[in-house]
Amino acid sequence: MTVRPPVRGRTALCAAGDSARPSAEQILGGRLRRGEIDEEEYRRRLTALRRAET
């Protein structure tokens, strides 16, 4: 079993293994921080997420 340190932006409860899940925006932000997507892709996807919420 691998133990990972808490990720910035998550609550202590979520990082401790609570059933709460990060939001789509938090996941997207994590992908940007890790370099999986660039800023242009981040903004495009964030806009799409926010449009879908309305």
Protein backbone atom coordinates (compact mmCIF):
# COMPACT_ATOMS: atom_id res chain seq x y z
CA MET A 1 0.00 0.00 0.00
CA THR A 2 1.29 3.45 -0.93
CA VAL A 3 0.75 6.35 1.46
CA ARG A 4 0.59 9.75 -0.18
CA PRO A 5 0.89 13.09 1.58
CA PRO A 6 -2.16 15.38 1.50
CA VAL A 7 -2.53 17.42 -1.67
CA ARG A 8 -2.79 21.18 -1.37
CA GLY A 9 -6.35 22.37 -1.87
CA ARG A 10 -7.99 19.30 -0.35
CA THR A 11 -9.51 19.37 3.06
CA ALA A 12 -7.88 17.36 5.81
CA LEU A 13 -10.93 15.10 5.82
CA CYS A 14 -10.59 14.30 2.13
CA ALA A 15 -6.84 13.81 2.40
CA ALA A 16 -7.37 11.48 5.34
CA GLY A 17 -9.44 9.15 3.20
CA ASP A 18 -12.95 10.39 3.87
CA SER A 19 -15.52 9.49 1.23
CA ALA A 20 -15.67 13.12 0.06
CA ARG A 21 -14.28 13.56 -3.43
CA PRO A 22 -12.55 16.57 -4.98
CA SER A 23 -14.65 18.68 -7.32
CA ALA A 24 -14.13 18.63 -11.06
CA GLU A 25 -12.48 22.05 -10.80
CA GLN A 26 -10.06 20.76 -8.14
CA ILE A 27 -9.15 17.79 -10.32
CA LEU A 28 -8.61 20.10 -13.28
CA GLY A 29 -6.42 22.41 -11.18
CA GLY A 30 -4.35 19.42 -10.09
CA ARG A 31 -3.80 18.39 -13.69
CA LEU A 32 -2.56 21.91 -14.47
CA ARG A 33 -0.19 21.92 -11.46
CA ARG A 34 1.25 18.54 -12.46
CA GLY A 35 1.81 19.75 -16.03
CA GLU A 36 -0.63 17.25 -17.56
CA ILE A 37 -2.40 20.10 -19.35
CA ASP A 38 -1.32 23.61 -20.28
CA GLU A 39 -3.00 26.85 -19.25
CA GLU A 40 -4.94 27.14 -22.51
CA GLU A 41 -6.40 23.65 -22.07
CA TYR A 42 -7.15 24.40 -18.42
CA ARG A 43 -9.12 27.53 -19.30
CA ARG A 44 -10.99 25.79 -22.11
CA ARG A 45 -12.04 22.91 -19.86
CA LEU A 46 -12.87 25.19 -16.92
CA THR A 47 -15.18 27.22 -19.17
CA ALA A 48 -16.87 24.02 -20.34
CA LEU A 49 -17.32 22.82 -16.75
CA ARG A 50 -18.87 26.09 -15.66
CA ARG A 51 -21.23 26.14 -18.63
CA ALA A 52 -22.36 22.61 -17.82
CA GLU A 53 -23.23 23.68 -14.25
CA THR A 54 -25.79 26.25 -15.38
